[in-house]
Each structure stands twice: as structure tokens, then as C-alpha cells.
C-alpha atoms as a PDB file:
ATOM      1  CA  MET A   1     -13.023  13.949  18.713  1.00  0.00           C
ATOM      2  CA  ILE A   2     -11.210  11.930  15.763  1.00  0.00           C
ATOM      3  CA  LYS A   3      -8.112  13.632  16.693  1.00  0.00           C
ATOM      4  CA  GLU A   4      -7.808  12.820  19.821  1.00  0.00           C
ATOM      5  CA  HIS A   5      -8.722   9.471  18.996  1.00  0.00           C
ATOM      6  CA  TYR A   6      -5.917   9.013  16.942  1.00  0.00           C
ATOM      7  CA  ASP A   7      -3.276  10.857  19.214  1.00  0.00           C
ATOM      8  CA  ALA A   8      -4.037   8.149  21.867  1.00  0.00           C
ATOM      9  CA  VAL A   9      -3.269   5.591  19.341  1.00  0.00           C
ATOM     10  CA  LYS A  10      -0.332   7.539  18.488  1.00  0.00           C
ATOM     11  CA  ALA A  11       0.362   7.875  22.271  1.00  0.00           C
ATOM     12  CA  LEU A  12       0.546   3.961  22.482  1.00  0.00           C
ATOM     13  CA  LEU A  13       3.581   3.703  20.268  1.00  0.00           C
ATOM     14  CA  PRO A  14       7.350   3.571  22.450  1.00  0.00           C
ATOM     15  CA  GLY A  15       9.640   6.410  21.821  1.00  0.00           C
ATOM     16  CA  THR A  16      12.063   4.227  20.119  1.00  0.00           C
ATOM     17  CA  VAL A  17       9.670   3.895  16.811  1.00  0.00           C
ATOM     18  CA  ARG A  18       9.501   6.767  14.891  1.00  0.00           C
ATOM     19  CA  VAL A  19       6.275   8.184  14.165  1.00  0.00           C
ATOM     20  CA  HIS A  20       4.794  10.306  11.762  1.00  0.00           C
ATOM     21  CA  MET A  21       0.782  11.107  11.246  1.00  0.00           C
ATOM     22  CA  TRP A  22      -0.815  11.537   8.491  1.00  0.00           C
ATOM     23  CA  SER A  23       2.597  12.411   5.951  1.00  0.00           C
ATOM     24  CA  VAL A  24       6.559  12.207   5.675  1.00  0.00           C
ATOM     25  CA  PRO A  25       9.161  14.747   5.957  1.00  0.00           C
ATOM     26  CA  ALA A  26      10.768  15.252   2.271  1.00  0.00           C
ATOM     27  CA  ASP A  27      14.076  13.395   4.233  1.00  0.00           C
ATOM     28  CA  PRO A  28      12.797  11.047   6.202  1.00  0.00           C
ATOM     29  CA  VAL A  29      15.197   8.551   8.848  1.00  0.00           C
ATOM     30  CA  TYR A  30      14.644   5.023   8.464  1.00  0.00           C
ATOM     31  CA  PRO A  31      12.440   2.611   9.390  1.00  0.00           C
ATOM     32  CA  TYR A  32       9.683   4.634  10.841  1.00  0.00           C
ATOM     33  CA  VAL A  33       5.735   3.935  10.752  1.00  0.00           C
ATOM     34  CA  VAL A  34       3.154   6.424   9.767  1.00  0.00           C
ATOM     35  CA  LEU A  35      -0.420   6.280  11.351  1.00  0.00           C
ATOM     36  CA  TRP A  36      -3.663   7.829   9.306  1.00  0.00           C
ATOM     37  CA  GLY A  37      -7.192   6.374   8.359  1.00  0.00           C
ATOM     38  CA  ASP A  38     -10.277   7.338   7.837  1.00  0.00           C
ATOM     39  CA  LEU A  39     -12.096   9.629   9.606  1.00  0.00           C
ATOM     40  CA  GLY A  40     -14.574   7.178  11.538  1.00  0.00           C
ATOM     41  CA  GLU A  41     -17.899   6.462  10.890  1.00  0.00           C
ATOM     42  CA  GLU A  42     -20.103   8.100  14.043  1.00  0.00           C
ATOM     43  CA  SER A  43     -23.586   6.092  15.322  1.00  0.00           C
ATOM     44  CA  SER A  44     -25.928   6.310  17.915  1.00  0.00           C
ATOM     45  CA  GLY A  45     -27.312   3.264  20.215  1.00  0.00           C
ATOM     46  CA  GLY A  46     -24.195   2.283  22.557  1.00  0.00           C
ATOM     47  CA  PRO A  47     -23.701   0.543  25.190  1.00  0.00           C
ATOM     48  CA  ASP A  48     -24.682   3.707  27.609  1.00  0.00           C
ATOM     49  CA  GLY A  49     -26.370   5.820  24.450  1.00  0.00           C
ATOM     50  CA  ASP A  50     -29.577   6.548  23.631  1.00  0.00           C
ATOM     51  CA  SER A  51     -30.604   5.501  20.138  1.00  0.00           C
ATOM     52  CA  LEU A  52     -33.872   7.188  20.357  1.00  0.00           C
ATOM     53  CA  ARG A  53     -32.184  10.459  20.486  1.00  0.00           C
ATOM     54  CA  ASP A  54     -29.898   9.794  17.686  1.00  0.00           C
ATOM     55  CA  VAL A  55     -27.224  11.389  19.403  1.00  0.00           C
ATOM     56  CA  PRO A  56     -23.880   9.860  17.943  1.00  0.00           C
ATOM     57  CA  ASP A  57     -21.947   8.213  20.627  1.00  0.00           C
ATOM     58  CA  LEU A  58     -20.566   5.802  19.139  1.00  0.00           C
ATOM     59  CA  LEU A  59     -17.331   6.138  16.804  1.00  0.00           C
ATOM     60  CA  SER A  60     -15.391   3.399  14.380  1.00  0.00           C
ATOM     61  CA  LEU A  61     -12.407   4.252  13.391  1.00  0.00           C
ATOM     62  CA  ARG A  62      -9.971   2.133  11.231  1.00  0.00           C
ATOM     63  CA  ILE A  63      -6.483   3.155  11.837  1.00  0.00           C
ATOM     64  CA  ARG A  64      -3.544   2.538   9.276  1.00  0.00           C
ATOM     65  CA  ALA A  65       0.000   1.984  10.077  1.00  0.00           C
ATOM     66  CA  THR A  66       2.604   1.731   7.283  1.00  0.00           C
ATOM     67  CA  TYR A  67       5.265   0.334   8.366  1.00  0.00           C
ATOM     68  CA  VAL A  68       9.088   1.609   6.219  1.00  0.00           C
ATOM     69  CA  GLY A  69      12.380   0.236   6.105  1.00  0.00           C
ATOM     70  CA  LEU A  70      15.509   0.355   4.262  1.00  0.00           C
ATOM     71  CA  ASN A  71      15.363  -3.585   3.617  1.00  0.00           C
ATOM     72  CA  GLY A  72      13.595  -6.270   4.805  1.00  0.00           C
ATOM     73  CA  ASP A  73      15.582  -6.418   8.456  1.00  0.00           C
ATOM     74  CA  SER A  74      14.571  -2.483   9.537  1.00  0.00           C
ATOM     75  CA  LEU A  75      10.697  -3.181   7.940  1.00  0.00           C
ATOM     76  CA  LEU A  76      10.378  -6.413   9.763  1.00  0.00           C
ATOM     77  CA  ILE A  77      11.684  -5.066  13.538  1.00  0.00           C
ATOM     78  CA  ILE A  78       9.084  -1.387  13.054  1.00  0.00           C
ATOM     79  CA  ALA A  79       6.381  -3.248  12.164  1.00  0.00           C
ATOM     80  CA  ARG A  80       7.004  -5.773  15.214  1.00  0.00           C
ATOM     81  CA  ASN A  81       7.631  -3.091  17.544  1.00  0.00           C
ATOM     82  CA  ALA A  82       4.462  -1.413  15.883  1.00  0.00           C
ATOM     83  CA  ARG A  83       2.246  -4.338  16.224  1.00  0.00           C
ATOM     84  CA  ALA A  84       3.438  -5.063  19.925  1.00  0.00           C
ATOM     85  CA  ALA A  85       2.777  -1.554  21.019  1.00  0.00           C
ATOM     86  CA  LEU A  86      -0.857  -1.397  18.818  1.00  0.00           C
ATOM     87  CA  SER A  87      -2.322  -5.058  18.679  1.00  0.00           C
ATOM     88  CA  ARG A  88      -4.862  -5.748  21.778  1.00  0.00           C
ATOM     89  CA  LYS A  89      -4.377  -2.600  23.334  1.00  0.00           C
ATOM     90  CA  THR A  90      -6.524  -0.246  24.288  1.00  0.00           C
ATOM     91  CA  PRO A  91      -6.283   3.646  23.618  1.00  0.00           C
ATOM     92  CA  THR A  92      -6.985   6.140  26.575  1.00  0.00           C
ATOM     93  CA  ILE A  93      -9.113   8.782  25.025  1.00  0.00           C
ATOM     94  CA  THR A  94     -10.654  11.382  27.744  1.00  0.00           C
ATOM     95  CA  GLY A  95     -14.604  10.767  27.846  1.00  0.00           C
ATOM     96  CA  TRP A  96     -14.646   7.346  25.794  1.00  0.00           C
ATOM     97  CA  ARG A  97     -14.225   4.063  26.647  1.00  0.00           C
ATOM     98  CA  ALA A  98     -12.289   2.279  23.865  1.00  0.00           C
ATOM     99  CA  SER A  99     -12.214  -1.184  23.069  1.00  0.00           C
ATOM    100  CA  PRO A 100      -8.952  -2.983  21.962  1.00  0.00           C
ATOM    101  CA  LEU A 101      -7.469  -2.468  18.948  1.00  0.00           C
ATOM    102  CA  ARG A 102      -7.512  -5.014  16.722  1.00  0.00           C
ATOM    103  CA  GLN A 103      -5.115  -5.695  13.960  1.00  0.00           C
ATOM    104  CA  ALA A 104      -5.512  -6.988  10.301  1.00  0.00           C
ATOM    105  CA  VAL A 105      -2.606  -7.239   7.188  1.00  0.00           C
ATOM    106  CA  LEU A 106      -3.728  -4.772   4.879  1.00  0.00           C
ATOM    107  CA  MET A 107      -1.175  -4.885   1.780  1.00  0.00           C
ATOM    108  CA  ASP A 108       1.623  -7.464   1.841  1.00  0.00           C
ATOM    109  CA  VAL A 109       5.493  -5.936   1.444  1.00  0.00           C
ATOM    110  CA  GLN A 110       6.051  -3.642  -1.912  1.00  0.00           C
ATOM    111  CA  THR A 111       8.800  -2.153  -2.543  1.00  0.00           C
ATOM    112  CA  ASP A 112       8.564   2.630  -3.022  1.00  0.00           C
ATOM    113  CA  THR A 113       9.482   2.582  -6.653  1.00  0.00           C
ATOM    114  CA  ASP A 114       8.592   6.405  -5.854  1.00  0.00           C
ATOM    115  CA  VAL A 115      11.426   6.989  -3.462  1.00  0.00           C
ATOM    116  CA  THR A 116      14.492   6.591  -4.706  1.00  0.00           C
ATOM    117  CA  LEU A 117      17.216   6.224  -2.116  1.00  0.00           C
ATOM    118  CA  THR A 118      21.064   8.077  -1.629  1.00  0.00           C
ATOM    119  CA  GLY A 119      22.887   5.669  -3.560  1.00  0.00           C
ATOM    120  CA  GLY A 120      20.008   3.838  -5.097  1.00  0.00           C
ATOM    121  CA  GLY A 121      17.785   1.307  -4.284  1.00  0.00           C
ATOM    122  CA  HIS A 122      14.363   1.956  -2.908  1.00  0.00           C
ATOM    123  CA  PRO A 123      12.522   1.348   0.626  1.00  0.00           C
ATOM    124  CA  ILE A 124      10.088  -1.145   1.030  1.00  0.00           C
ATOM    125  CA  TYR A 125       6.694  -0.864   3.159  1.00  0.00           C
ATOM    126  CA  ALA A 126       3.976  -2.800   4.379  1.00  0.00           C
ATOM    127  CA  VAL A 127       0.417  -1.223   5.975  1.00  0.00           C
ATOM    128  CA  ASP A 128      -1.626  -3.155   8.559  1.00  0.00           C
ATOM    129  CA  GLU A 129      -5.194  -1.459   9.787  1.00  0.00           C
ATOM    130  CA  PHE A 130      -6.089  -1.247  13.644  1.00  0.00           C
ATOM    131  CA  SER A 131      -9.678  -1.105  13.984  1.00  0.00           C
ATOM    132  CA  LEU A 132     -11.058   0.588  16.749  1.00  0.00           C
ATOM    133  CA  ILE A 133     -14.108   1.054  18.588  1.00  0.00           C
ATOM    134  CA  SER A 134     -15.058   3.852  21.107  1.00  0.00           C
ATOM    135  CA  HIS A 135     -17.973   4.455  22.634  1.00  0.00           C
ATOM    136  CA  LYS A 136     -18.680   7.936  24.895  1.00  0.00           C
ATOM    137  CA  LEU A 137     -19.225   7.801  28.387  1.00  0.00           C
END
């Protein structure tokens, strides 16, 4: 069920946005977005659920999007495009009713000194968090 939620969020991004899930290839093409996050918190007692049976029918996830670019312009463009596709949008997950994604800044722009680009220099990145609450139908 968790994978389906991540896949549904990825599906909101247009084909013009290069997306990686959880990890990045050894020689990535810039700019790109990495989707990753927590495994969610399951609980019972959603709007259509029965909290007395304690059957999980609600999933809360914090999905992170790391935006990576070669320079400030490419980072801003990929972040703009990804945010436009995700923020306040509702992913479609079979058997679930999801809330709209809520965007928050998790990390300001940083230089990734662990990666040295061909010809020198370092890519830059920033991270947003998108909260998602989903009720089982």
C-alpha cells in the first residue's frame, strides 16, 4: 500500500521532470528530482472506518522531494515545475481517498560537496516535504 502511494505521487509529475525514486544513478542527468520519505503511520478510525476493530484505514505519509541542479537556475526551474505538479494536487490511489498534498520547505538550497562535477564544481540541492493523508475506502 505504501509503494502505491509513492507511485501515485510520482505519476503527478509531468514527463518533462526527470524523477528518481529513493536513489540516484551513478552518473545522473541534471536537473532531477528524487522522491523519498518515510514509511508512513497507519492508524484506524478514519471517516469511514471503525476504530473499535482497530483495523488500519488511514495512512499518513511525509514524502520528500529533493531538487538537484547544476546551478541556481536549473534548481529553481526543476523545483518550480515539481511544486506546480505536486503542491495541493491529489494523487489517485486505487482503494484509497487521498487528501491534497501539502508542501513545506524541509531544507534550503545547499551545495553537495560530496559530488564533484566533470570540469569541477558541485551540484546544488534543496528539499521539500509533501504531507499526504489517505483514507481507505
